[in-house]
Amino acid sequence: MVNVIRLVFTIVFGFLWWWTLNFVGPSLMFLVILGSILTLCVCCCKGDDPHGEWNFDRYMACLRRCGPALLTLIVGLFLLGILVLWFITGVFPAPDLLKIAVAAIGSVIFIRAICCAYQA
């Protein structure tokens, strides 16, 4: 049963990560990939199963454990996205702020949700 829960979380949040990647488009693809990689670095995902069975309380505790670090990462990625698009186009990327926010938030949150499924 533990592996089924993990599989479901991987499929659901993996699909949401893929949607995020497609929603933001090629100009912000780097931000989604960078955010995903840095999420693993900021809050290490061990992938071990020390408890034997999956527990929702441990899952939520895992999500909360790295909250401040992940929030800092999200803000940093958001600002990076603004700076990169501003540098490339020479104009403040006001029309793309929603896409930048989705890339910064989605890439971090969805990867963390998958990692915690394997730690809970």
Protein backbone atom coordinates (compact mmCIF):
# COMPACT_ATOMS: atom_id res chain seq x y z
CA MET A 1 0.00 0.00 0.00
CA VAL A 2 2.90 2.34 0.74
CA ASN A 3 4.18 2.13 -2.81
CA VAL A 4 0.71 2.77 -4.24
CA ILE A 5 0.40 6.01 -2.25
CA ARG A 6 3.86 7.09 -3.37
CA LEU A 7 3.04 6.22 -6.97
CA VAL A 8 -0.18 8.27 -6.85
CA PHE A 9 1.65 11.28 -5.39
CA THR A 10 4.38 10.95 -8.03
CA ILE A 11 1.84 10.84 -10.85
CA VAL A 12 -0.34 13.69 -9.56
CA PHE A 13 2.45 16.11 -8.66
CA GLY A 14 4.55 15.02 -11.62
CA PHE A 15 1.65 15.90 -13.90
CA LEU A 16 1.28 19.28 -12.16
CA TRP A 17 5.04 19.88 -12.62
CA TRP A 18 4.70 19.04 -16.32
CA TRP A 19 1.71 21.42 -16.59
CA THR A 20 3.80 24.15 -14.95
CA LEU A 21 6.62 23.56 -17.42
CA ASN A 22 4.24 23.79 -20.37
CA PHE A 23 2.30 26.75 -18.98
CA VAL A 24 5.33 28.98 -18.60
CA GLY A 25 6.73 28.10 -22.01
CA PRO A 26 10.26 27.94 -23.37
CA SER A 27 11.35 31.37 -22.16
CA LEU A 28 10.96 30.35 -18.50
CA MET A 29 11.73 26.64 -18.81
CA PHE A 30 15.14 27.25 -17.22
CA LEU A 31 13.41 28.59 -14.11
CA VAL A 32 11.27 25.47 -13.65
CA ILE A 33 14.24 23.14 -14.07
CA LEU A 34 16.50 25.25 -11.83
CA GLY A 35 13.79 25.44 -9.17
CA SER A 36 13.30 21.69 -9.26
CA ILE A 37 16.99 20.99 -8.83
CA LEU A 38 17.47 23.58 -6.10
CA THR A 39 14.46 22.20 -4.20
CA LEU A 40 16.33 18.94 -3.81
CA CYS A 41 19.40 20.82 -2.57
CA VAL A 42 17.56 23.15 -0.18
CA CYS A 43 15.71 20.41 1.63
CA CYS A 44 17.37 17.07 1.07
CA CYS A 45 15.08 14.27 -0.04
CA LYS A 46 16.39 11.04 1.42
CA GLY A 47 13.94 8.64 -0.19
CA ASP A 48 14.28 6.13 2.62
CA ASP A 49 11.47 4.32 4.41
CA PRO A 50 12.40 4.28 8.10
CA HIS A 51 8.85 3.85 9.39
CA GLY A 52 7.61 0.94 7.29
CA GLU A 53 4.23 2.40 6.41
CA TRP A 54 3.10 5.68 4.95
CA ASN A 55 1.65 8.27 7.33
CA PHE A 56 -0.16 11.48 6.38
CA ASP A 57 1.01 13.31 9.53
CA ARG A 58 4.65 12.54 8.67
CA TYR A 59 3.94 13.71 5.12
CA MET A 60 2.62 17.08 6.33
CA ALA A 61 5.51 17.42 8.81
CA CYS A 62 7.94 16.81 5.95
CA LEU A 63 6.29 19.55 3.89
CA ARG A 64 6.45 22.01 6.79
CA ARG A 65 10.00 21.15 7.86
CA CYS A 66 11.66 23.17 5.10
CA GLY A 67 9.07 25.91 4.76
CA PRO A 68 11.28 28.96 5.34
CA ALA A 69 14.06 27.68 3.08
CA LEU A 70 11.61 26.82 0.31
CA LEU A 71 9.90 30.22 0.62
CA THR A 72 13.29 31.90 0.25
CA LEU A 73 13.97 29.75 -2.82
CA ILE A 74 10.60 30.68 -4.35
CA VAL A 75 11.22 34.41 -3.83
CA GLY A 76 14.73 34.09 -5.26
CA LEU A 77 13.49 32.23 -8.34
CA PHE A 78 10.75 34.81 -8.86
CA LEU A 79 13.25 37.67 -8.74
CA LEU A 80 15.66 35.74 -10.99
CA GLY A 81 12.90 35.20 -13.54
CA ILE A 82 12.12 38.92 -13.58
CA LEU A 83 15.79 39.86 -13.95
CA VAL A 84 16.47 37.36 -16.74
CA LEU A 85 13.46 38.39 -18.81
CA TRP A 86 14.20 42.08 -18.17
CA PHE A 87 17.78 41.53 -19.32
CA ILE A 88 16.73 39.61 -22.44
CA THR A 89 13.96 41.97 -23.58
CA GLY A 90 15.16 45.26 -22.12
CA VAL A 91 11.65 45.87 -20.74
CA PHE A 92 10.16 45.05 -17.34
CA PRO A 93 8.28 41.75 -17.91
CA ALA A 94 4.91 42.86 -16.44
CA PRO A 95 2.85 40.63 -18.79
CA ASP A 96 4.89 37.59 -17.73
CA LEU A 97 4.71 38.05 -13.94
CA LEU A 98 2.02 35.35 -13.60
CA LYS A 99 4.10 32.86 -15.58
CA ILE A 100 7.19 33.70 -13.52
CA ALA A 101 5.21 33.16 -10.30
CA VAL A 102 3.80 29.84 -11.53
CA ALA A 103 7.30 28.68 -12.52
CA ALA A 104 8.87 29.73 -9.21
CA ILE A 105 6.12 28.30 -7.01
CA GLY A 106 5.18 25.21 -9.02
CA SER A 107 8.68 23.93 -9.62
CA VAL A 108 9.46 24.03 -5.90
CA ILE A 109 6.16 22.91 -4.39
CA PHE A 110 5.45 19.99 -6.71
CA ILE A 111 8.95 18.49 -6.42
CA ARG A 112 8.84 18.85 -2.62
CA ALA A 113 5.43 17.15 -2.54
CA ILE A 114 6.83 14.17 -4.44
CA CYS A 115 9.95 13.96 -2.23
CA CYS A 116 7.89 14.00 0.97
CA ALA A 117 5.75 11.14 -0.32
CA TYR A 118 8.90 9.01 -0.19
CA GLN A 119 9.88 10.22 3.29
CA ALA A 120 6.51 9.89 5.03
